Amino acid sequence: MAQLSMRPCGDFRTTYKSDTPIFETKTIRSLAIAGVIAMLAAPLVLDIYFLNLFIQIAYLGIAALGLNILVGFTGQISLGHGAFFGFGAFASAWLNNQFNIPVVFAIPLAGYLTMIVGMLFGLPAARIKGLYLAIATLAAQFILEDFFARAEWFSGGSYGASASPINLFGFEFSTDESFFYVALFALIFMYLWASNLIRSRDGRAFVSVRDHYLSAEIMGINLTKYRLLSFGVCAFYAGIGGALYGHYLGFVSAEGFTIMMSIQFLAMIIIG
């Protein structure tokens, strides 16, 4: 007599974390690890042009990750991301030059300072959205541009500010070959941090604010808190990317952080 047997099939994911893995399969995870290992040998085989290109991708990519958290996962908008990027660059150089804080500590501190500034300019997000929020963040862009040009104590004004190379245990990361590893580590670390943030309780709150803020508020999610937090995280990533940019180039000038840079960051997350 034939017997029926039932065998489970399909993709069973019972938790939010299992539904949003960093790597979908073990194969993808293995390929990612192999890719990172291969990248470690890149300075030995690539010329300066390609190393410089990757370093630019790394610090701009870190800043773009932050904007993606704000725009892509929380549904907010920012036209001041280029200014936050510049604030991080100036803040790290200022902390190192004025207070002799080692660069390895100045970079994360610059990120936190930029986070505070981002949350201050993100306060309008508690009450406005859409076009009006875009205008408010555009105002932040121009306010910070003017601040960079006038605050000589912070940015050096029209003269700009020098930024020392990263020094760790007596080793100076002043060449493209050595800074490549700093950029690679920073990009991987910040990517994993962003991925885990989105998979956390706060990340789920960001997505709910984006998808249906009225339902999120009914469920007990504090809209003001998470909108401000998303602006803060966005600015933090911009500050870290900007700080790496400044210490890589060795000099920071106010002319580079215009509205065009903010538009380019938006293009990065929308197009690429």
Protein backbone atom coordinates (compact mmCIF):
# COMPACT_ATOMS: atom_id res chain seq x y z
CA MET A 1 0.00 0.00 0.00
CA ALA A 2 1.42 3.33 -1.01
CA GLN A 3 2.11 5.79 1.77
CA LEU A 4 2.07 9.55 1.52
CA SER A 5 5.05 11.40 2.84
CA MET A 6 5.42 15.12 3.37
CA ARG A 7 8.74 16.82 2.88
CA PRO A 8 9.27 20.51 3.69
CA CYS A 9 10.14 22.71 0.78
CA GLY A 10 10.52 26.41 0.16
CA ASP A 11 12.43 29.07 2.00
CA PHE A 12 11.44 29.24 5.67
CA ARG A 13 12.58 32.38 7.45
CA THR A 14 10.90 32.93 10.75
CA THR A 15 12.71 36.05 11.99
CA TYR A 16 13.45 39.50 10.56
CA LYS A 17 17.20 38.85 10.84
CA SER A 18 16.96 35.60 8.89
CA ASP A 19 14.91 37.40 6.24
CA THR A 20 17.53 40.13 5.83
CA PRO A 21 20.90 38.34 5.93
CA ILE A 22 24.11 40.12 5.02
CA PHE A 23 24.93 37.23 2.68
CA GLU A 24 22.04 35.36 1.07
CA THR A 25 23.93 32.06 0.68
CA LYS A 26 27.12 30.42 1.87
CA THR A 27 28.44 30.70 -1.68
CA ILE A 28 28.03 34.47 -1.69
CA ARG A 29 29.67 34.68 1.73
CA SER A 30 32.61 32.58 0.54
CA LEU A 31 32.99 34.72 -2.58
CA ALA A 32 32.92 37.89 -0.48
CA ILE A 33 35.63 36.57 1.83
CA ALA A 34 37.72 35.50 -1.16
CA GLY A 35 37.25 38.94 -2.69
CA VAL A 36 38.47 40.66 0.47
CA ILE A 37 41.51 38.38 0.63
CA ALA A 38 42.26 39.15 -3.02
CA MET A 39 41.94 42.88 -2.29
CA LEU A 40 44.68 42.59 0.33
CA ALA A 41 47.12 41.85 -2.47
CA ALA A 42 45.91 44.74 -4.65
CA PRO A 43 48.70 47.21 -3.67
CA LEU A 44 51.23 44.65 -4.87
CA VAL A 45 49.79 44.36 -8.38
CA LEU A 46 47.87 47.59 -9.10
CA ASP A 47 49.41 50.90 -10.07
CA ILE A 48 48.86 54.20 -8.25
CA TYR A 49 45.93 55.25 -10.45
CA PHE A 50 43.77 52.27 -9.50
CA LEU A 51 44.75 52.47 -5.83
CA ASN A 52 43.77 56.14 -5.79
CA LEU A 53 40.50 55.27 -7.51
CA PHE A 54 39.64 52.62 -4.92
CA ILE A 55 40.47 54.96 -2.02
CA GLN A 56 38.11 57.56 -3.48
CA ILE A 57 35.40 54.92 -3.87
CA ALA A 58 35.92 53.89 -0.24
CA TYR A 59 35.54 57.27 1.48
CA LEU A 60 32.76 58.42 -0.86
CA GLY A 61 31.07 55.03 -0.48
CA ILE A 62 31.08 55.34 3.31
CA ALA A 63 29.36 58.72 3.08
CA ALA A 64 26.87 57.35 0.53
CA LEU A 65 26.02 54.45 2.88
CA GLY A 66 24.91 56.96 5.48
CA LEU A 67 22.74 58.85 3.01
CA ASN A 68 21.18 55.56 1.92
CA ILE A 69 20.12 54.88 5.51
CA LEU A 70 18.37 58.27 5.60
CA VAL A 71 16.83 58.28 2.12
CA GLY A 72 16.47 54.60 1.29
CA PHE A 73 15.46 53.15 4.65
CA THR A 74 13.83 56.06 6.50
CA GLY A 75 12.28 57.89 3.55
CA GLN A 76 13.75 61.29 4.41
CA ILE A 77 15.70 63.60 2.12
CA SER A 78 18.89 65.60 2.52
CA LEU A 79 20.47 68.14 0.21
CA GLY A 80 23.19 68.97 2.73
CA HIS A 81 25.20 65.75 2.69
CA GLY A 82 28.17 67.36 0.97
CA ALA A 83 28.40 69.93 3.76
CA PHE A 84 28.31 67.20 6.42
CA PHE A 85 31.08 65.43 4.53
CA GLY A 86 33.11 68.64 4.65
CA PHE A 87 32.35 69.19 8.33
CA GLY A 88 33.80 65.77 9.14
CA ALA A 89 36.97 66.59 7.20
CA PHE A 90 37.45 69.93 8.95
CA ALA A 91 36.47 68.56 12.37
CA SER A 92 39.06 65.78 12.28
CA ALA A 93 41.82 68.15 11.15
CA TRP A 94 40.78 70.68 13.82
CA LEU A 95 40.81 68.09 16.63
CA ASN A 96 44.24 66.88 15.56
CA ASN A 97 45.79 70.32 14.99
CA GLN A 98 44.33 72.20 17.96
CA PHE A 99 44.16 69.52 20.65
CA ASN A 100 46.87 67.10 19.45
CA ILE A 101 44.37 64.25 19.42
CA PRO A 102 45.83 61.33 17.44
CA VAL A 103 44.26 60.99 14.02
CA VAL A 104 42.95 57.47 14.75
CA PHE A 105 40.84 59.00 17.55
CA ALA A 106 40.13 62.28 15.78
CA ILE A 107 38.37 60.50 12.91
CA PRO A 108 35.61 58.82 15.00
CA LEU A 109 35.29 61.94 17.17
CA ALA A 110 34.78 63.97 14.00
CA GLY A 111 32.06 61.51 13.05
CA TYR A 112 30.26 62.08 16.35
CA LEU A 113 30.58 65.87 16.07
CA THR A 114 29.12 65.68 12.58
CA MET A 115 26.34 63.48 13.96
CA ILE A 116 25.39 66.19 16.46
CA VAL A 117 25.37 68.83 13.73
CA GLY A 118 23.30 66.57 11.49
CA MET A 119 20.71 66.01 14.21
CA LEU A 120 20.46 69.76 14.83
CA PHE A 121 19.76 70.41 11.17
CA GLY A 122 17.47 67.38 11.12
CA LEU A 123 15.12 68.88 13.72
CA PRO A 124 12.74 70.16 11.00
CA ALA A 125 12.20 66.52 10.01
CA ALA A 126 10.06 66.16 13.14
CA ARG A 127 7.37 68.36 11.58
CA ILE A 128 7.93 68.66 7.84
CA LYS A 129 8.69 66.31 4.97
CA GLY A 130 9.03 66.16 1.22
CA LEU A 131 9.84 69.38 -0.59
CA TYR A 132 9.84 71.44 2.61
CA LEU A 133 12.37 69.14 4.24
CA ALA A 134 14.53 69.28 1.12
CA ILE A 135 14.53 73.08 1.36
CA ALA A 136 15.45 72.92 5.06
CA THR A 137 18.42 70.64 4.38
CA LEU A 138 19.42 72.84 1.45
CA ALA A 139 19.59 75.71 3.94
CA ALA A 140 21.90 73.56 6.08
CA GLN A 141 24.17 73.13 3.07
CA PHE A 142 24.54 76.87 2.52
CA ILE A 143 24.83 77.67 6.24
CA LEU A 144 27.72 75.23 6.64
CA GLU A 145 29.37 76.46 3.45
CA ASP A 146 29.34 79.99 4.89
CA PHE A 147 30.61 78.66 8.21
CA PHE A 148 33.57 76.97 6.51
CA ALA A 149 34.46 80.20 4.73
CA ARG A 150 34.26 82.42 7.84
CA ALA A 151 35.30 80.25 10.80
CA GLU A 152 39.07 80.55 10.53
CA TRP A 153 39.49 79.06 14.02
CA PHE A 154 37.87 75.85 12.77
CA SER A 155 38.42 75.54 9.04
CA GLY A 156 41.20 78.01 8.33
CA GLY A 157 38.76 80.12 6.34
CA SER A 158 39.86 80.81 2.78
CA TYR A 159 43.29 79.32 3.54
CA GLY A 160 41.97 75.86 4.35
CA ALA A 161 43.35 73.45 6.93
CA SER A 162 46.17 70.93 6.89
CA ALA A 163 45.39 67.34 7.84
CA SER A 164 48.12 65.07 9.16
CA PRO A 165 48.42 61.51 7.84
CA ILE A 166 47.15 58.64 9.94
CA ASN A 167 49.79 57.32 12.33
CA LEU A 168 49.33 54.02 14.16
CA PHE A 169 52.00 52.53 16.44
CA GLY A 170 54.64 54.65 14.77
CA PHE A 171 53.67 53.62 11.24
CA GLU A 172 52.50 56.45 9.01
CA PHE A 173 49.85 55.71 6.38
CA SER A 174 51.02 58.45 4.03
CA THR A 175 51.29 56.57 0.73
CA ASP A 176 48.56 55.25 -1.55
CA GLU A 177 49.74 51.69 -0.93
CA SER A 178 49.44 51.99 2.86
CA PHE A 179 46.27 54.12 2.91
CA PHE A 180 44.59 51.53 0.70
CA TYR A 181 44.38 49.18 3.69
CA VAL A 182 42.92 51.92 5.90
CA ALA A 183 40.26 52.64 3.28
CA LEU A 184 39.49 48.94 2.78
CA PHE A 185 39.12 48.27 6.51
CA ALA A 186 36.97 51.38 7.04
CA LEU A 187 34.67 50.54 4.13
CA ILE A 188 34.12 46.93 5.25
CA PHE A 189 33.60 47.93 8.89
CA MET A 190 31.12 50.70 8.09
CA TYR A 191 29.25 48.48 5.63
CA LEU A 192 28.85 45.69 8.19
CA TRP A 193 27.78 48.23 10.82
CA ALA A 194 25.12 49.64 8.47
CA SER A 195 23.91 46.15 7.56
CA ASN A 196 23.53 45.14 11.19
CA LEU A 197 21.84 48.45 12.04
CA ILE A 198 19.17 47.84 9.40
CA ARG A 199 18.61 44.33 10.78
CA SER A 200 18.20 45.64 14.33
CA ARG A 201 15.15 47.04 16.13
CA ASP A 202 16.12 50.58 15.16
CA GLY A 203 16.48 49.50 11.53
CA ARG A 204 12.98 48.02 11.54
CA ALA A 205 11.72 51.30 12.99
CA PHE A 206 13.42 53.22 10.17
CA VAL A 207 11.68 51.08 7.56
CA SER A 208 8.29 51.42 9.26
CA VAL A 209 8.66 55.22 9.34
CA ARG A 210 9.39 55.11 5.61
CA ASP A 211 6.61 52.71 4.62
CA HIS A 212 3.74 54.06 6.73
CA TYR A 213 4.53 56.58 9.41
CA LEU A 214 0.93 56.77 10.70
CA SER A 215 0.81 53.03 11.35
CA ALA A 216 4.27 53.20 12.92
CA GLU A 217 3.11 55.92 15.30
CA ILE A 218 0.04 53.90 16.24
CA MET A 219 2.33 50.96 17.01
CA GLY A 220 4.22 53.14 19.48
CA ILE A 221 7.22 54.15 17.38
CA ASN A 222 8.45 57.65 18.22
CA LEU A 223 8.62 59.32 14.81
CA THR A 224 10.64 62.30 16.02
CA LYS A 225 13.21 60.07 17.69
CA TYR A 226 13.82 57.86 14.68
CA ARG A 227 13.80 60.65 12.13
CA LEU A 228 16.42 62.51 14.17
CA LEU A 229 18.38 59.29 14.70
CA SER A 230 18.43 58.60 10.97
CA PHE A 231 19.73 62.13 10.32
CA GLY A 232 22.38 61.59 12.98
CA VAL A 233 23.53 58.24 11.56
CA CYS A 234 23.55 59.72 8.06
CA ALA A 235 25.73 62.64 9.21
CA PHE A 236 28.00 60.30 11.20
CA TYR A 237 28.81 58.29 8.08
CA ALA A 238 29.38 61.51 6.14
CA GLY A 239 31.74 62.72 8.87
CA ILE A 240 33.77 59.51 8.84
CA GLY A 241 34.04 59.59 5.05
CA GLY A 242 35.01 63.26 5.10
CA ALA A 243 37.65 62.71 7.78
CA LEU A 244 39.25 59.92 5.74
CA TYR A 245 39.16 62.20 2.69
CA GLY A 246 40.94 65.00 4.56
CA HIS A 247 43.69 62.85 6.03
CA TYR A 248 44.24 61.11 2.71
CA LEU A 249 44.73 64.36 0.79
CA GLY A 250 46.55 66.11 3.64
CA PHE A 251 44.66 69.36 3.09
CA VAL A 252 41.02 70.46 3.33
CA SER A 253 39.58 73.44 1.47
CA ALA A 254 36.09 74.90 1.84
CA GLU A 255 35.57 75.20 -1.92
CA GLY A 256 35.14 71.46 -2.38
CA PHE A 257 31.94 70.93 -0.37
CA THR A 258 29.29 72.61 -2.47
CA ILE A 259 25.71 71.76 -3.33
CA MET A 260 27.03 69.85 -6.34
CA MET A 261 28.69 67.35 -4.01
CA SER A 262 25.37 66.84 -2.20
CA ILE A 263 23.63 66.20 -5.52
CA GLN A 264 26.38 63.76 -6.49
CA PHE A 265 25.83 61.82 -3.27
CA LEU A 266 22.12 61.57 -4.06
CA ALA A 267 23.00 60.35 -7.55
CA MET A 268 25.26 57.67 -6.04
CA ILE A 269 22.45 56.06 -4.05
CA ILE A 270 19.74 56.52 -6.69
CA ILE A 271 21.68 55.50 -9.80
CA GLY A 272 24.47 53.33 -8.44
